[in-house]
PDB file of N, CA and C in Angstrom:
ATOM      1  N   ASP A   1      11.084 -32.383   2.205  1.00  0.00           N
ATOM      2  CA  ASP A   1      11.022 -33.229   1.017  1.00  0.00           C
ATOM      3  C   ASP A   1      11.393 -32.455  -0.248  1.00  0.00           C
ATOM      4  N   LYS A   2      12.057 -31.321  -0.117  1.00  0.00           N
ATOM      5  CA  LYS A   2      12.561 -30.525  -1.242  1.00  0.00           C
ATOM      6  C   LYS A   2      11.464 -29.837  -2.052  1.00  0.00           C
ATOM      7  N   THR A   3      10.252 -29.768  -1.518  1.00  0.00           N
ATOM      8  CA  THR A   3       9.158 -29.125  -2.243  1.00  0.00           C
ATOM      9  C   THR A   3       8.529 -28.024  -1.401  1.00  0.00           C
ATOM     10  N   LEU A   4       7.828 -27.129  -2.088  1.00  0.00           N
ATOM     11  CA  LEU A   4       7.021 -26.089  -1.466  1.00  0.00           C
ATOM     12  C   LEU A   4       5.574 -26.443  -1.775  1.00  0.00           C
ATOM     13  N   LYS A   5       4.732 -26.453  -0.759  1.00  0.00           N
ATOM     14  CA  LYS A   5       3.334 -26.844  -0.957  1.00  0.00           C
ATOM     15  C   LYS A   5       2.410 -25.668  -0.647  1.00  0.00           C
ATOM     16  N   LEU A   6       1.422 -25.461  -1.503  1.00  0.00           N
ATOM     17  CA  LEU A   6       0.417 -24.421  -1.320  1.00  0.00           C
ATOM     18  C   LEU A   6      -0.888 -25.099  -0.924  1.00  0.00           C
ATOM     19  N   TRP A   7      -1.398 -24.709   0.245  1.00  0.00           N
ATOM     20  CA  TRP A   7      -2.601 -25.326   0.807  1.00  0.00           C
ATOM     21  C   TRP A   7      -3.749 -24.335   0.862  1.00  0.00           C
ATOM     22  N   ASN A   8      -4.976 -24.828   0.746  1.00  0.00           N
ATOM     23  CA  ASN A   8      -6.167 -24.049   1.035  1.00  0.00           C
ATOM     24  C   ASN A   8      -6.405 -24.216   2.530  1.00  0.00           C
ATOM     25  N   PRO A   9      -6.213 -23.144   3.324  1.00  0.00           N
ATOM     26  CA  PRO A   9      -6.324 -23.297   4.778  1.00  0.00           C
ATOM     27  C   PRO A   9      -7.749 -23.552   5.266  1.00  0.00           C
ATOM     28  N   LEU A  10      -8.744 -23.138   4.514  1.00  0.00           N
ATOM     29  CA  LEU A  10     -10.132 -23.346   4.933  1.00  0.00           C
ATOM     30  C   LEU A  10     -10.581 -24.787   4.738  1.00  0.00           C
ATOM     31  N   ARG A  11     -10.168 -25.389   3.637  1.00  0.00           N
ATOM     32  CA  ARG A  11     -10.573 -26.760   3.335  1.00  0.00           C
ATOM     33  C   ARG A  11      -9.527 -27.795   3.715  1.00  0.00           C
ATOM     34  N   GLY A  12      -8.294 -27.325   3.943  1.00  0.00           N
ATOM     35  CA  GLY A  12      -7.213 -28.248   4.264  1.00  0.00           C
ATOM     36  C   GLY A  12      -6.775 -29.095   3.092  1.00  0.00           C
ATOM     37  N   THR A  13      -6.964 -28.572   1.877  1.00  0.00           N
ATOM     38  CA  THR A  13      -6.615 -29.324   0.681  1.00  0.00           C
ATOM     39  C   THR A  13      -5.352 -28.759   0.038  1.00  0.00           C
ATOM     40  N   LEU A  14      -4.573 -29.650  -0.536  1.00  0.00           N
ATOM     41  CA  LEU A  14      -3.357 -29.273  -1.232  1.00  0.00           C
ATOM     42  C   LEU A  14      -3.724 -28.719  -2.604  1.00  0.00           C
ATOM     43  N   LEU A  15      -3.273 -27.495  -2.903  1.00  0.00           N
ATOM     44  CA  LEU A  15      -3.584 -26.867  -4.178  1.00  0.00           C
ATOM     45  C   LEU A  15      -2.507 -27.134  -5.228  1.00  0.00           C
ATOM     46  N   ARG A  16      -1.236 -27.072  -4.808  1.00  0.00           N
ATOM     47  CA  ARG A  16      -0.144 -27.261  -5.758  1.00  0.00           C
ATOM     48  C   ARG A  16       1.141 -27.583  -5.000  1.00  0.00           C
ATOM     49  N   THR A  17       1.998 -28.355  -5.637  1.00  0.00           N
ATOM     50  CA  THR A  17       3.329 -28.641  -5.122  1.00  0.00           C
ATOM     51  C   THR A  17       4.346 -28.066  -6.102  1.00  0.00           C
ATOM     52  N   TYR A  18       5.288 -27.316  -5.565  1.00  0.00           N
ATOM     53  CA  TYR A  18       6.335 -26.672  -6.370  1.00  0.00           C
ATOM     54  C   TYR A  18       7.643 -27.409  -6.125  1.00  0.00           C
ATOM     55  N   SER A  19       8.253 -27.931  -7.176  1.00  0.00           N
ATOM     56  CA  SER A  19       9.505 -28.679  -7.073  1.00  0.00           C
ATOM     57  C   SER A  19      10.610 -27.913  -7.779  1.00  0.00           C
ATOM     58  N   GLY A  20      11.777 -27.827  -7.110  1.00  0.00           N
ATOM     59  CA  GLY A  20      12.887 -27.127  -7.734  1.00  0.00           C
ATOM     60  C   GLY A  20      14.073 -26.913  -6.818  1.00  0.00           C
ATOM     61  N   HIS A  21      13.916 -27.230  -5.543  1.00  0.00           N
ATOM     62  CA  HIS A  21      15.025 -27.108  -4.607  1.00  0.00           C
ATOM     63  C   HIS A  21      15.780 -28.433  -4.524  1.00  0.00           C
ATOM     64  N   GLY A  22      17.096 -28.337  -4.255  1.00  0.00           N
ATOM     65  CA  GLY A  22      17.926 -29.521  -4.118  1.00  0.00           C
ATOM     66  C   GLY A  22      17.917 -30.098  -2.717  1.00  0.00           C
ATOM     67  N   TYR A  23      17.521 -29.284  -1.728  1.00  0.00           N
ATOM     68  CA  TYR A  23      17.415 -29.700  -0.333  1.00  0.00           C
ATOM     69  C   TYR A  23      16.103 -29.165   0.212  1.00  0.00           C
ATOM     70  N   GLU A  24      15.873 -29.333   1.505  1.00  0.00           N
ATOM     71  CA  GLU A  24      14.609 -28.929   2.106  1.00  0.00           C
ATOM     72  C   GLU A  24      14.363 -27.429   1.949  1.00  0.00           C
ATOM     73  N   VAL A  25      13.092 -27.052   1.876  1.00  0.00           N
ATOM     74  CA  VAL A  25      12.685 -25.647   1.841  1.00  0.00           C
ATOM     75  C   VAL A  25      12.648 -25.153   3.283  1.00  0.00           C
ATOM     76  N   LEU A  26      13.332 -24.033   3.539  1.00  0.00           N
ATOM     77  CA  LEU A  26      13.446 -23.518   4.904  1.00  0.00           C
ATOM     78  C   LEU A  26      12.505 -22.359   5.195  1.00  0.00           C
ATOM     79  N   ASP A  27      12.126 -21.601   4.167  1.00  0.00           N
ATOM     80  CA  ASP A  27      11.265 -20.442   4.377  1.00  0.00           C
ATOM     81  C   ASP A  27      10.587 -20.091   3.069  1.00  0.00           C
ATOM     82  N   ALA A  28       9.461 -19.416   3.164  1.00  0.00           N
ATOM     83  CA  ALA A  28       8.737 -18.990   1.965  1.00  0.00           C
ATOM     84  C   ALA A  28       7.912 -17.758   2.289  1.00  0.00           C
ATOM     85  N   ALA A  29       7.636 -16.973   1.251  1.00  0.00           N
ATOM     86  CA  ALA A  29       6.800 -15.783   1.398  1.00  0.00           C
ATOM     87  C   ALA A  29       6.039 -15.573   0.090  1.00  0.00           C
ATOM     88  N   GLY A  30       4.858 -14.949   0.210  1.00  0.00           N
ATOM     89  CA  GLY A  30       4.040 -14.667  -0.966  1.00  0.00           C
ATOM     90  C   GLY A  30       4.049 -13.194  -1.299  1.00  0.00           C
ATOM     91  N   SER A  31       3.797 -12.879  -2.562  1.00  0.00           N
ATOM     92  CA  SER A  31       3.715 -11.485  -2.998  1.00  0.00           C
ATOM     93  C   SER A  31       2.392 -10.884  -2.541  1.00  0.00           C
ATOM     94  N   PHE A  32       2.326  -9.564  -2.509  1.00  0.00           N
ATOM     95  CA  PHE A  32       1.116  -8.885  -2.031  1.00  0.00           C
ATOM     96  C   PHE A  32      -0.102  -9.185  -2.891  1.00  0.00           C
ATOM     97  N   ASP A  33       0.106  -9.486  -4.174  1.00  0.00           N
ATOM     98  CA  ASP A  33      -1.022  -9.769  -5.067  1.00  0.00           C
ATOM     99  C   ASP A  33      -1.254 -11.272  -5.267  1.00  0.00           C
ATOM    100  N   ASN A  34      -0.535 -12.099  -4.510  1.00  0.00           N
ATOM    101  CA  ASN A  34      -0.657 -13.555  -4.543  1.00  0.00           C
ATOM    102  C   ASN A  34      -0.291 -14.192  -5.881  1.00  0.00           C
ATOM    103  N   SER A  35       0.454 -13.489  -6.728  1.00  0.00           N
ATOM    104  CA  SER A  35       0.829 -14.043  -8.023  1.00  0.00           C
ATOM    105  C   SER A  35       2.180 -14.756  -7.988  1.00  0.00           C
ATOM    106  N   SER A  36       2.976 -14.484  -6.953  1.00  0.00           N
ATOM    107  CA  SER A  36       4.312 -15.058  -6.861  1.00  0.00           C
ATOM    108  C   SER A  36       4.590 -15.586  -5.460  1.00  0.00           C
ATOM    109  N   LEU A  37       5.461 -16.579  -5.411  1.00  0.00           N
ATOM    110  CA  LEU A  37       5.987 -17.091  -4.155  1.00  0.00           C
ATOM    111  C   LEU A  37       7.504 -17.039  -4.252  1.00  0.00           C
ATOM    112  N   CYS A  38       8.142 -16.875  -3.131  1.00  0.00           N
ATOM    113  CA  CYS A  38       9.589 -16.889  -3.066  1.00  0.00           C
ATOM    114  C   CYS A  38       9.972 -17.854  -1.951  1.00  0.00           C
ATOM    115  N   SER A  39      10.893 -18.770  -2.233  1.00  0.00           N
ATOM    116  CA  SER A  39      11.296 -19.749  -1.226  1.00  0.00           C
ATOM    117  C   SER A  39      12.810 -19.813  -1.137  1.00  0.00           C
ATOM    118  N   GLY A  40      13.289 -20.107   0.061  1.00  0.00           N
ATOM    119  CA  GLY A  40      14.714 -20.290   0.291  1.00  0.00           C
ATOM    120  C   GLY A  40      14.936 -21.666   0.870  1.00  0.00           C
ATOM    121  N   GLY A  41      15.997 -22.327   0.414  1.00  0.00           N
ATOM    122  CA  GLY A  41      16.204 -23.691   0.862  1.00  0.00           C
ATOM    123  C   GLY A  41      17.600 -23.994   1.354  1.00  0.00           C
ATOM    124  N   GLY A  42      17.759 -25.205   1.839  1.00  0.00           N
ATOM    125  CA  GLY A  42      19.035 -25.693   2.317  1.00  0.00           C
ATOM    126  C   GLY A  42      20.061 -25.844   1.214  1.00  0.00           C
ATOM    127  N   ASP A  43      19.642 -25.731  -0.016  1.00  0.00           N
ATOM    128  CA  ASP A  43      20.547 -25.782  -1.161  1.00  0.00           C
ATOM    129  C   ASP A  43      21.171 -24.420  -1.447  1.00  0.00           C
ATOM    130  N   LYS A  44      20.914 -23.452  -0.560  1.00  0.00           N
ATOM    131  CA  LYS A  44      21.409 -22.074  -0.691  1.00  0.00           C
ATOM    132  C   LYS A  44      20.884 -21.399  -1.956  1.00  0.00           C
ATOM    133  N   ALA A  45      19.666 -21.744  -2.325  1.00  0.00           N
ATOM    134  CA  ALA A  45      19.012 -21.130  -3.475  1.00  0.00           C
ATOM    135  C   ALA A  45      17.748 -20.416  -3.012  1.00  0.00           C
ATOM    136  N   VAL A  46      17.473 -19.280  -3.647  1.00  0.00           N
ATOM    137  CA  VAL A  46      16.209 -18.573  -3.466  1.00  0.00           C
ATOM    138  C   VAL A  46      15.484 -18.683  -4.801  1.00  0.00           C
ATOM    139  N   VAL A  47      14.266 -19.188  -4.756  1.00  0.00           N
ATOM    140  CA  VAL A  47      13.510 -19.451  -5.981  1.00  0.00           C
ATOM    141  C   VAL A  47      12.266 -18.577  -6.007  1.00  0.00           C
ATOM    142  N   LEU A  48      12.050 -17.901  -7.130  1.00  0.00           N
ATOM    143  CA  LEU A  48      10.851 -17.113  -7.373  1.00  0.00           C
ATOM    144  C   LEU A  48       9.928 -17.946  -8.253  1.00  0.00           C
ATOM    145  N   TRP A  49       8.700 -18.165  -7.785  1.00  0.00           N
ATOM    146  CA  TRP A  49       7.733 -19.042  -8.454  1.00  0.00           C
ATOM    147  C   TRP A  49       6.545 -18.247  -8.986  1.00  0.00           C
ATOM    148  N   ASP A  50       5.994 -18.667 -10.104  1.00  0.00           N
ATOM    149  CA  ASP A  50       4.702 -18.184 -10.584  1.00  0.00           C
ATOM    150  C   ASP A  50       3.645 -19.087  -9.956  1.00  0.00           C
ATOM    151  N   VAL A  51       2.755 -18.516  -9.160  1.00  0.00           N
ATOM    152  CA  VAL A  51       1.767 -19.319  -8.423  1.00  0.00           C
ATOM    153  C   VAL A  51       0.854 -20.086  -9.373  1.00  0.00           C
ATOM    154  N   ALA A  52       0.341 -19.426 -10.403  1.00  0.00           N
ATOM    155  CA  ALA A  52      -0.651 -20.047 -11.285  1.00  0.00           C
ATOM    156  C   ALA A  52      -0.085 -21.220 -12.085  1.00  0.00           C
ATOM    157  N   SER A  53       1.101 -21.052 -12.652  1.00  0.00           N
ATOM    158  CA  SER A  53       1.665 -22.098 -13.511  1.00  0.00           C
ATOM    159  C   SER A  53       2.514 -23.107 -12.750  1.00  0.00           C
ATOM    160  N   GLY A  54       3.021 -22.705 -11.578  1.00  0.00           N
ATOM    161  CA  GLY A  54       3.909 -23.578 -10.822  1.00  0.00           C
ATOM    162  C   GLY A  54       5.334 -23.585 -11.339  1.00  0.00           C
ATOM    163  N   GLN A  55       5.622 -22.728 -12.308  1.00  0.00           N
ATOM    164  CA  GLN A  55       6.943 -22.683 -12.923  1.00  0.00           C
ATOM    165  C   GLN A  55       7.902 -21.775 -12.166  1.00  0.00           C
ATOM    166  N   VAL A  56       9.183 -22.108 -12.239  1.00  0.00           N
ATOM    167  CA  VAL A  56      10.231 -21.265 -11.679  1.00  0.00           C
ATOM    168  C   VAL A  56      10.393 -20.051 -12.588  1.00  0.00           C
ATOM    169  N   VAL A  57      10.280 -18.859 -12.005  1.00  0.00           N
ATOM    170  CA  VAL A  57      10.497 -17.615 -12.753  1.00  0.00           C
ATOM    171  C   VAL A  57      11.985 -17.291 -12.770  1.00  0.00           C
ATOM    172  N   ARG A  58      12.625 -17.467 -11.618  1.00  0.00           N
ATOM    173  CA  ARG A  58      14.056 -17.189 -11.504  1.00  0.00           C
ATOM    174  C   ARG A  58      14.608 -17.924 -10.294  1.00  0.00           C
ATOM    175  N   LYS A  59      15.854 -18.372 -10.420  1.00  0.00           N
ATOM    176  CA  LYS A  59      16.528 -19.038  -9.306  1.00  0.00           C
ATOM    177  C   LYS A  59      17.825 -18.293  -9.022  1.00  0.00           C
ATOM    178  N   PHE A  60      17.988 -17.891  -7.764  1.00  0.00           N
ATOM    179  CA  PHE A  60      19.195 -17.213  -7.308  1.00  0.00           C
ATOM    180  C   PHE A  60      19.975 -18.209  -6.455  1.00  0.00           C
ATOM    181  N   ARG A  61      21.227 -18.443  -6.802  1.00  0.00           N
ATOM    182  CA  ARG A  61      22.023 -19.446  -6.083  1.00  0.00           C
ATOM    183  C   ARG A  61      23.063 -18.786  -5.196  1.00  0.00           C
ATOM    184  N   GLY A  62      23.379 -19.462  -4.081  1.00  0.00           N
ATOM    185  CA  GLY A  62      24.495 -19.074  -3.256  1.00  0.00           C
ATOM    186  C   GLY A  62      24.208 -18.108  -2.129  1.00  0.00           C
ATOM    187  N   HIS A  63      22.957 -17.975  -1.674  1.00  0.00           N
ATOM    188  CA  HIS A  63      22.682 -17.080  -0.551  1.00  0.00           C
ATOM    189  C   HIS A  63      23.309 -17.632   0.722  1.00  0.00           C
ATOM    190  N   ALA A  64      23.570 -16.759   1.681  1.00  0.00           N
ATOM    191  CA  ALA A  64      24.196 -17.166   2.938  1.00  0.00           C
ATOM    192  C   ALA A  64      23.165 -17.550   3.995  1.00  0.00           C
ATOM    193  N   GLY A  65      21.919 -17.177   3.817  1.00  0.00           N
ATOM    194  CA  GLY A  65      20.876 -17.490   4.788  1.00  0.00           C
ATOM    195  C   GLY A  65      19.715 -16.542   4.628  1.00  0.00           C
ATOM    196  N   LEU A  66      18.662 -16.765   5.398  1.00  0.00           N
ATOM    197  CA  LEU A  66      17.451 -15.964   5.267  1.00  0.00           C
ATOM    198  C   LEU A  66      17.275 -14.989   6.415  1.00  0.00           C
ATOM    199  N   ARG A  67      18.313 -14.774   7.211  1.00  0.00           N
ATOM    200  CA  ARG A  67      18.200 -13.821   8.311  1.00  0.00           C
ATOM    201  C   ARG A  67      18.005 -12.418   7.757  1.00  0.00           C
ATOM    202  N   GLY A  68      17.057 -11.695   8.311  1.00  0.00           N
ATOM    203  CA  GLY A  68      16.780 -10.335   7.862  1.00  0.00           C
ATOM    204  C   GLY A  68      15.992 -10.268   6.572  1.00  0.00           C
ATOM    205  N   TRP A  69      15.333 -11.357   6.214  1.00  0.00           N
ATOM    206  CA  TRP A  69      14.520 -11.418   5.001  1.00  0.00           C
ATOM    207  C   TRP A  69      13.486 -10.313   5.029  1.00  0.00           C
ATOM    208  N   PRO A  70      13.465  -9.424   4.046  1.00  0.00           N
ATOM    209  CA  PRO A  70      12.504  -8.294   4.069  1.00  0.00           C
ATOM    210  C   PRO A  70      11.126  -8.700   3.568  1.00  0.00           C
ATOM    211  N   ARG A  71      10.374  -9.430   4.367  1.00  0.00           N
ATOM    212  CA  ARG A  71       9.062  -9.946   3.964  1.00  0.00           C
ATOM    213  C   ARG A  71       8.105  -8.859   3.474  1.00  0.00           C
ATOM    214  N   GLU A  72       8.161  -7.684   4.074  1.00  0.00           N
ATOM    215  CA  GLU A  72       7.212  -6.648   3.693  1.00  0.00           C
ATOM    216  C   GLU A  72       7.446  -6.105   2.299  1.00  0.00           C
ATOM    217  N   THR A  73       8.578  -6.438   1.678  1.00  0.00           N
ATOM    218  CA  THR A  73       8.851  -5.958   0.319  1.00  0.00           C
ATOM    219  C   THR A  73       8.362  -6.904  -0.755  1.00  0.00           C
ATOM    220  N   LEU A  74       7.906  -8.102  -0.383  1.00  0.00           N
ATOM    221  CA  LEU A  74       7.421  -9.064  -1.387  1.00  0.00           C
ATOM    222  C   LEU A  74       6.014  -8.782  -1.777  1.00  0.00           C
TER     223      LEU A  74
END
């Protein structure tokens, strides 16, 4: 549905919905301090999000895919 959703896994409640992709979100990862999220979508964009505000920090366009995504560096 073109959004990234943050859930509380213990309560099963939706905490926030992040909107900004033009197509479906294919993958996401969180930063080690839980302050940022990064998502990649079918729109060939990688979006860096501020978790607290829900705002887009930066959008990178034109990626070729998420293969080899270095999750441990986020």
